[in-house]
Protein backbone atom coordinates (compact mmCIF):
# COMPACT_ATOMS: atom_id res chain seq x y z
CA MET A 1 117.46 138.69 83.30
CA MET A 2 118.83 141.87 84.88
CA LEU A 3 118.36 142.25 88.60
CA GLN A 4 118.41 145.80 89.95
CA ILE A 5 120.11 146.07 93.27
CA SER A 6 117.76 147.16 96.18
CA GLN A 7 118.70 149.78 98.69
CA ARG A 8 119.20 147.00 101.20
CA GLY A 9 121.46 145.13 98.64
CA ARG A 10 123.43 148.35 98.06
CA GLU A 11 124.02 148.68 101.75
CA HIS A 12 125.24 145.12 102.09
CA LEU A 13 127.60 145.78 99.00
CA ARG A 14 128.94 148.92 100.61
CA ILE A 15 129.86 147.06 103.67
CA ALA A 16 131.34 144.29 101.66
CA GLN A 17 133.53 146.61 99.69
CA THR A 18 134.75 148.40 102.88
CA LEU A 19 135.81 145.07 104.35
CA LEU A 20 137.59 144.18 101.20
CA ARG A 21 139.55 147.54 101.31
CA THR A 22 140.40 146.83 104.85
CA VAL A 23 141.69 143.29 103.95
CA GLU A 24 144.15 144.82 101.33
CA THR A 25 145.93 146.63 104.13
CA MET A 26 146.12 143.75 106.45
CA THR A 27 149.41 142.02 107.10
CA ASP A 28 147.89 139.20 109.44
CA GLN A 29 146.83 136.61 106.94
CA ALA A 30 144.60 134.71 109.26
CA ILE A 31 142.64 137.85 110.33
CA ALA A 32 142.55 139.00 106.75
CA ALA A 33 141.07 135.65 105.70
CA GLN A 34 138.45 136.08 108.13
CA VAL A 35 137.48 139.54 107.23
CA LYS A 36 137.42 138.34 103.42
CA ALA A 37 135.00 135.69 104.64
CA LEU A 38 132.76 138.23 106.13
CA ALA A 39 133.05 140.29 103.03
CA ASP A 40 131.89 137.43 100.97
CA GLU A 41 128.93 136.87 103.35
CA TYR A 42 127.81 140.38 102.84
CA GLU A 43 127.97 140.08 99.03
CA ARG A 44 125.78 136.92 99.42
CA ARG A 45 123.40 139.02 101.67
CA ALA A 46 123.31 141.77 98.99
CA LEU A 47 122.20 139.35 96.32
CA LYS A 48 119.67 137.63 98.67
CA ALA A 49 118.15 141.10 99.89
CA SER A 50 117.88 142.34 96.12
CA LEU A 51 116.08 138.94 95.22
CA ASP A 52 113.85 139.10 98.28
CA ASP A 53 112.96 142.67 97.63
CA ALA A 54 112.39 142.11 93.86
CA ALA A 55 109.91 139.21 94.63
CA LYS A 56 107.98 141.37 97.26
CA ALA A 57 107.76 144.06 94.68
CA LEU A 58 106.57 141.56 92.26
CA ALA A 59 103.99 140.11 94.57
CA ARG A 60 102.72 143.60 95.46
CA SER A 61 102.49 144.42 91.67
CA ALA A 62 100.60 141.09 91.03
CA SER A 63 98.30 141.87 93.79
CA SER A 64 97.60 145.27 92.72
CA SER A 65 96.94 144.29 89.19
CA GLU A 66 94.64 141.37 90.47
CA TYR A 67 92.54 143.97 92.29
CA ASP A 68 92.43 146.34 89.22
CA TRP A 69 91.18 143.39 87.20
CA HIS A 70 88.25 142.68 89.39
CA THR A 71 87.11 146.40 89.58
């Protein structure tokens, strides 16, 4: 199954990528680890947002086709 990334998901991924680029330049490893954890969280949010948005779109589609079926 191929999941298309939603606009919200893309925004979360953009933030994660920005954070990861920042981590690459850090010399303080403790702070770098915290920023990396934050980037990982945004990657999880990207997946969740895309899954949620896909489920909502599917529900709308099912609702719409159900309406068409009854008319």
